[in-house]
Amino acid sequence: MDPAPGTIFDREEFLRRLGGDEELYREVLQVFLEDCPNQMDVIRTAMDTRDPMRIRSAAHALKGAAGSVSARALFEASGALERAGAGGDLDACDQAWQQVQAAASVLLDRMRAEVAG
């Protein structure tokens, strides 16, 4: 299931937190666009090794990054993955990982459009 459009990325909230600085906004988005795929790779490796504590830790890092850019859907999905990893529930991790991937895909597309536009 794809995240609801209004929950993907709250541009106004994020820009407000940056004091309305459009240049800083684009710079931070660019950093996120470069870093998020790396964080996703770390989670993917943890998922492949079926290590719930590494899953928890990697999901926690992604959740923090998503929260810092007002990416609500990815924040929530990463939080669910973090909780599943903390509980050692690999089936729940699999389900949450699917949600993280979907949310990240939509978010990164939206952010690329923001940076380009």
N, C-alpha and C. Protein backbone atom coordinates (compact mmCIF):
# COMPACT_ATOMS: atom_id res chain seq x y z
N MET A 1 0.84 -1.18 0.00
CA MET A 1 0.00 0.00 0.00
C MET A 1 0.88 1.24 0.00
N ASP A 2 0.61 2.17 -0.92
CA ASP A 2 1.36 3.40 -0.97
C ASP A 2 0.88 4.35 0.12
N PRO A 3 1.81 5.19 0.62
CA PRO A 3 1.40 6.16 1.63
C PRO A 3 0.45 7.19 1.03
N ALA A 4 -0.42 7.72 1.87
CA ALA A 4 -1.34 8.77 1.42
C ALA A 4 -0.53 9.99 0.99
N PRO A 5 -0.93 10.66 -0.08
CA PRO A 5 -0.15 11.78 -0.60
C PRO A 5 0.16 12.86 0.44
N GLY A 6 -0.79 13.18 1.30
CA GLY A 6 -0.57 14.23 2.28
C GLY A 6 0.41 13.86 3.38
N THR A 7 0.77 12.59 3.47
CA THR A 7 1.67 12.17 4.56
C THR A 7 3.09 11.95 4.09
N ILE A 8 3.33 12.09 2.80
CA ILE A 8 4.65 11.77 2.27
C ILE A 8 5.70 12.76 2.75
N PHE A 9 5.41 14.04 2.54
CA PHE A 9 6.41 15.06 2.82
C PHE A 9 5.68 16.37 3.07
N ASP A 10 5.93 16.99 4.22
CA ASP A 10 5.27 18.25 4.55
C ASP A 10 6.25 19.39 4.28
N ARG A 11 6.22 19.86 3.04
CA ARG A 11 7.14 20.91 2.59
C ARG A 11 7.02 22.16 3.45
N GLU A 12 5.79 22.60 3.71
CA GLU A 12 5.58 23.84 4.46
C GLU A 12 6.13 23.74 5.88
N GLU A 13 5.87 22.61 6.52
CA GLU A 13 6.37 22.42 7.89
C GLU A 13 7.90 22.44 7.90
N PHE A 14 8.50 21.73 6.97
CA PHE A 14 9.96 21.66 6.93
C PHE A 14 10.57 23.02 6.62
N LEU A 15 9.99 23.71 5.66
CA LEU A 15 10.50 25.04 5.30
C LEU A 15 10.34 26.01 6.46
N ARG A 16 9.24 25.91 7.16
CA ARG A 16 9.01 26.75 8.34
C ARG A 16 10.08 26.49 9.41
N ARG A 17 10.43 25.23 9.60
CA ARG A 17 11.46 24.88 10.59
C ARG A 17 12.83 25.43 10.20
N LEU A 18 13.01 25.69 8.89
CA LEU A 18 14.28 26.25 8.40
C LEU A 18 14.21 27.77 8.29
N GLY A 19 13.18 28.36 8.88
CA GLY A 19 13.06 29.81 8.85
C GLY A 19 12.73 30.37 7.48
N GLY A 20 12.16 29.53 6.62
CA GLY A 20 11.78 29.97 5.30
C GLY A 20 12.94 30.09 4.31
N ASP A 21 14.09 29.59 4.69
CA ASP A 21 15.30 29.70 3.85
C ASP A 21 15.25 28.66 2.73
N GLU A 22 14.85 29.11 1.53
CA GLU A 22 14.71 28.20 0.38
C GLU A 22 16.04 27.56 -0.02
N GLU A 23 17.12 28.31 0.06
CA GLU A 23 18.43 27.76 -0.32
C GLU A 23 18.83 26.64 0.64
N LEU A 24 18.68 26.88 1.92
CA LEU A 24 18.99 25.84 2.91
C LEU A 24 18.07 24.64 2.72
N TYR A 25 16.82 24.89 2.43
CA TYR A 25 15.84 23.84 2.18
C TYR A 25 16.34 22.90 1.07
N ARG A 26 16.74 23.47 -0.04
CA ARG A 26 17.22 22.66 -1.17
C ARG A 26 18.51 21.92 -0.81
N GLU A 27 19.39 22.56 -0.06
CA GLU A 27 20.64 21.92 0.35
C GLU A 27 20.37 20.71 1.24
N VAL A 28 19.47 20.87 2.20
CA VAL A 28 19.16 19.77 3.11
C VAL A 28 18.48 18.63 2.35
N LEU A 29 17.58 18.97 1.43
CA LEU A 29 16.95 17.93 0.62
C LEU A 29 18.00 17.16 -0.18
N GLN A 30 18.96 17.87 -0.74
CA GLN A 30 20.01 17.22 -1.53
C GLN A 30 20.81 16.25 -0.66
N VAL A 31 21.15 16.68 0.55
CA VAL A 31 21.87 15.80 1.48
C VAL A 31 21.03 14.56 1.79
N PHE A 32 19.74 14.76 2.03
CA PHE A 32 18.86 13.63 2.32
C PHE A 32 18.80 12.68 1.12
N LEU A 33 18.69 13.25 -0.08
CA LEU A 33 18.64 12.43 -1.30
C LEU A 33 19.90 11.59 -1.47
N GLU A 34 21.02 12.10 -1.03
CA GLU A 34 22.28 11.35 -1.12
C GLU A 34 22.39 10.31 -0.02
N ASP A 35 21.88 10.63 1.17
CA ASP A 35 22.06 9.76 2.33
C ASP A 35 21.01 8.66 2.45
N CYS A 36 19.78 8.95 2.08
CA CYS A 36 18.71 7.98 2.26
C CYS A 36 18.98 6.64 1.57
N PRO A 37 19.44 6.61 0.32
CA PRO A 37 19.72 5.31 -0.30
C PRO A 37 20.79 4.52 0.47
N ASN A 38 21.76 5.21 1.04
CA ASN A 38 22.77 4.52 1.85
C ASN A 38 22.15 3.91 3.10
N GLN A 39 21.26 4.66 3.73
CA GLN A 39 20.58 4.13 4.91
C GLN A 39 19.69 2.95 4.55
N MET A 40 19.06 3.02 3.41
CA MET A 40 18.23 1.91 2.95
C MET A 40 19.09 0.66 2.71
N ASP A 41 20.29 0.85 2.17
CA ASP A 41 21.20 -0.28 1.96
C ASP A 41 21.59 -0.94 3.28
N VAL A 42 21.81 -0.13 4.30
CA VAL A 42 22.15 -0.68 5.63
C VAL A 42 21.00 -1.52 6.15
N ILE A 43 19.78 -1.02 6.00
CA ILE A 43 18.62 -1.79 6.44
C ILE A 43 18.49 -3.08 5.62
N ARG A 44 18.66 -2.96 4.32
CA ARG A 44 18.56 -4.14 3.45
C ARG A 44 19.55 -5.22 3.88
N THR A 45 20.77 -4.83 4.19
CA THR A 45 21.78 -5.79 4.66
C THR A 45 21.34 -6.43 5.97
N ALA A 46 20.81 -5.62 6.88
CA ALA A 46 20.33 -6.16 8.15
C ALA A 46 19.15 -7.12 7.93
N MET A 47 18.29 -6.77 6.98
CA MET A 47 17.17 -7.67 6.66
C MET A 47 17.69 -8.97 6.06
N ASP A 48 18.66 -8.87 5.17
CA ASP A 48 19.22 -10.07 4.53
C ASP A 48 19.88 -11.01 5.54
N THR A 49 20.49 -10.44 6.57
CA THR A 49 21.16 -11.27 7.59
C THR A 49 20.21 -11.68 8.70
N ARG A 50 18.96 -11.14 8.63
CA ARG A 50 17.92 -11.49 9.61
C ARG A 50 18.35 -11.16 11.04
N ASP A 51 18.99 -10.02 11.20
CA ASP A 51 19.50 -9.57 12.50
C ASP A 51 18.59 -8.48 13.06
N PRO A 52 17.68 -8.84 13.96
CA PRO A 52 16.70 -7.87 14.42
C PRO A 52 17.30 -6.65 15.12
N MET A 53 18.40 -6.80 15.81
CA MET A 53 18.99 -5.64 16.49
C MET A 53 19.64 -4.67 15.48
N ARG A 54 20.23 -5.21 14.44
CA ARG A 54 20.77 -4.34 13.38
C ARG A 54 19.64 -3.68 12.62
N ILE A 55 18.55 -4.41 12.42
CA ILE A 55 17.36 -3.84 11.78
C ILE A 55 16.85 -2.68 12.63
N ARG A 56 16.71 -2.91 13.91
CA ARG A 56 16.23 -1.86 14.82
C ARG A 56 17.10 -0.63 14.75
N SER A 57 18.40 -0.83 14.84
CA SER A 57 19.33 0.29 14.85
C SER A 57 19.30 1.08 13.53
N ALA A 58 19.30 0.36 12.43
CA ALA A 58 19.29 1.02 11.12
C ALA A 58 17.96 1.74 10.88
N ALA A 59 16.86 1.12 11.30
CA ALA A 59 15.55 1.76 11.14
C ALA A 59 15.46 3.01 12.01
N HIS A 60 16.04 2.96 13.18
CA HIS A 60 16.05 4.12 14.08
C HIS A 60 16.77 5.30 13.42
N ALA A 61 17.90 5.03 12.79
CA ALA A 61 18.66 6.09 12.11
C ALA A 61 17.85 6.69 10.97
N LEU A 62 17.19 5.84 10.19
CA LEU A 62 16.38 6.34 9.08
C LEU A 62 15.18 7.12 9.60
N LYS A 63 14.60 6.66 10.67
CA LYS A 63 13.46 7.36 11.27
C LYS A 63 13.87 8.77 11.67
N GLY A 64 15.04 8.90 12.27
CA GLY A 64 15.51 10.22 12.67
C GLY A 64 15.73 11.14 11.48
N ALA A 65 16.32 10.60 10.43
CA ALA A 65 16.56 11.40 9.23
C ALA A 65 15.23 11.82 8.60
N ALA A 66 14.28 10.90 8.53
CA ALA A 66 12.97 11.20 7.95
C ALA A 66 12.25 12.27 8.77
N GLY A 67 12.33 12.15 10.07
CA GLY A 67 11.69 13.14 10.93
C GLY A 67 12.29 14.52 10.76
N SER A 68 13.58 14.57 10.54
CA SER A 68 14.25 15.86 10.42
C SER A 68 13.85 16.61 9.16
N VAL A 69 13.34 15.91 8.14
CA VAL A 69 12.90 16.57 6.91
C VAL A 69 11.37 16.52 6.75
N SER A 70 10.67 16.24 7.82
CA SER A 70 9.20 16.23 7.82
C SER A 70 8.62 15.22 6.84
N ALA A 71 9.27 14.07 6.72
CA ALA A 71 8.81 12.98 5.86
C ALA A 71 7.99 12.02 6.72
N ARG A 72 6.74 12.33 6.89
CA ARG A 72 5.89 11.62 7.86
C ARG A 72 5.71 10.15 7.55
N ALA A 73 5.43 9.80 6.31
CA ALA A 73 5.17 8.39 5.98
C ALA A 73 6.41 7.54 6.23
N LEU A 74 7.57 8.04 5.82
CA LEU A 74 8.80 7.28 6.04
C LEU A 74 9.14 7.23 7.52
N PHE A 75 8.88 8.31 8.24
CA PHE A 75 9.09 8.33 9.69
C PHE A 75 8.26 7.25 10.36
N GLU A 76 6.98 7.17 10.02
CA GLU A 76 6.09 6.17 10.62
C GLU A 76 6.49 4.75 10.24
N ALA A 77 6.79 4.54 8.97
CA ALA A 77 7.17 3.19 8.51
C ALA A 77 8.48 2.75 9.17
N SER A 78 9.43 3.66 9.27
CA SER A 78 10.71 3.33 9.91
C SER A 78 10.51 3.03 11.39
N GLY A 79 9.61 3.77 12.01
CA GLY A 79 9.30 3.51 13.42
C GLY A 79 8.71 2.13 13.62
N ALA A 80 7.84 1.71 12.71
CA ALA A 80 7.26 0.37 12.79
C ALA A 80 8.34 -0.69 12.62
N LEU A 81 9.26 -0.45 11.70
CA LEU A 81 10.36 -1.40 11.49
C LEU A 81 11.28 -1.44 12.71
N GLU A 82 11.53 -0.29 13.28
CA GLU A 82 12.35 -0.23 14.49
C GLU A 82 11.71 -1.03 15.62
N ARG A 83 10.42 -0.85 15.83
CA ARG A 83 9.73 -1.58 16.89
C ARG A 83 9.72 -3.09 16.63
N ALA A 84 9.52 -3.48 15.37
CA ALA A 84 9.52 -4.91 15.03
C ALA A 84 10.90 -5.51 15.29
N GLY A 85 11.94 -4.78 14.92
CA GLY A 85 13.30 -5.26 15.17
C GLY A 85 13.58 -5.37 16.65
N ALA A 86 13.15 -4.37 17.41
CA ALA A 86 13.37 -4.38 18.86
C ALA A 86 12.66 -5.56 19.51
N GLY A 87 11.51 -5.94 18.94
CA GLY A 87 10.76 -7.07 19.47
C GLY A 87 11.24 -8.41 18.93
N GLY A 88 12.18 -8.38 17.99
CA GLY A 88 12.70 -9.62 17.42
C GLY A 88 11.72 -10.34 16.50
N ASP A 89 10.70 -9.63 16.04
CA ASP A 89 9.66 -10.24 15.21
C ASP A 89 10.02 -10.06 13.74
N LEU A 90 10.66 -11.08 13.17
CA LEU A 90 11.13 -10.98 11.80
C LEU A 90 10.01 -10.94 10.77
N ASP A 91 8.87 -11.58 11.07
CA ASP A 91 7.73 -11.49 10.16
C ASP A 91 7.21 -10.05 10.11
N ALA A 92 7.12 -9.42 11.26
CA ALA A 92 6.70 -8.02 11.31
C ALA A 92 7.75 -7.13 10.64
N CYS A 93 9.01 -7.49 10.77
CA CYS A 93 10.08 -6.74 10.09
C CYS A 93 9.88 -6.80 8.58
N ASP A 94 9.55 -7.97 8.07
CA ASP A 94 9.34 -8.11 6.63
C ASP A 94 8.20 -7.20 6.15
N GLN A 95 7.11 -7.18 6.90
CA GLN A 95 5.97 -6.34 6.52
C GLN A 95 6.34 -4.85 6.61
N ALA A 96 7.00 -4.47 7.70
CA ALA A 96 7.37 -3.07 7.88
C ALA A 96 8.40 -2.64 6.84
N TRP A 97 9.31 -3.53 6.47
CA TRP A 97 10.32 -3.22 5.46
C TRP A 97 9.66 -2.89 4.12
N GLN A 98 8.61 -3.62 3.78
CA GLN A 98 7.88 -3.32 2.54
C GLN A 98 7.30 -1.90 2.59
N GLN A 99 6.78 -1.51 3.75
CA GLN A 99 6.23 -0.16 3.90
C GLN A 99 7.34 0.90 3.83
N VAL A 100 8.49 0.60 4.43
CA VAL A 100 9.61 1.53 4.37
C VAL A 100 10.04 1.74 2.92
N GLN A 101 10.16 0.65 2.18
CA GLN A 101 10.58 0.76 0.78
C GLN A 101 9.58 1.58 -0.04
N ALA A 102 8.30 1.34 0.16
CA ALA A 102 7.28 2.08 -0.58
C ALA A 102 7.32 3.56 -0.23
N ALA A 103 7.41 3.85 1.06
CA ALA A 103 7.43 5.25 1.50
C ALA A 103 8.68 5.96 0.99
N ALA A 104 9.82 5.29 1.05
CA ALA A 104 11.07 5.90 0.59
C ALA A 104 11.04 6.16 -0.91
N SER A 105 10.50 5.24 -1.67
CA SER A 105 10.44 5.41 -3.11
C SER A 105 9.63 6.64 -3.50
N VAL A 106 8.45 6.76 -2.93
CA VAL A 106 7.59 7.90 -3.23
C VAL A 106 8.24 9.19 -2.73
N LEU A 107 8.80 9.17 -1.55
CA LEU A 107 9.44 10.35 -0.97
C LEU A 107 10.61 10.82 -1.82
N LEU A 108 11.48 9.91 -2.20
CA LEU A 108 12.65 10.31 -2.98
C LEU A 108 12.25 10.90 -4.33
N ASP A 109 11.22 10.34 -4.95
CA ASP A 109 10.72 10.91 -6.20
C ASP A 109 10.22 12.33 -5.97
N ARG A 110 9.47 12.52 -4.92
CA ARG A 110 8.93 13.86 -4.60
C ARG A 110 10.05 14.84 -4.32
N MET A 111 11.04 14.41 -3.56
CA MET A 111 12.16 15.31 -3.22
C MET A 111 13.01 15.64 -4.44
N ARG A 112 13.21 14.67 -5.31
CA ARG A 112 13.97 14.95 -6.55
C ARG A 112 13.26 16.02 -7.36
N ALA A 113 11.94 15.94 -7.42
CA ALA A 113 11.17 16.95 -8.15
C ALA A 113 11.30 18.32 -7.47
N GLU A 114 11.32 18.34 -6.16
CA GLU A 114 11.48 19.60 -5.42
C GLU A 114 12.84 20.23 -5.71
N VAL A 115 13.87 19.43 -5.68
CA VAL A 115 15.23 19.94 -5.91
C VAL A 115 15.39 20.43 -7.35
N ALA A 116 14.79 19.67 -8.28
CA ALA A 116 14.91 20.02 -9.70
C ALA A 116 14.09 21.26 -10.04
N GLY A 117 12.96 21.44 -9.31
CA GLY A 117 12.04 22.50 -9.67
C GLY A 117 12.43 23.79 -9.11
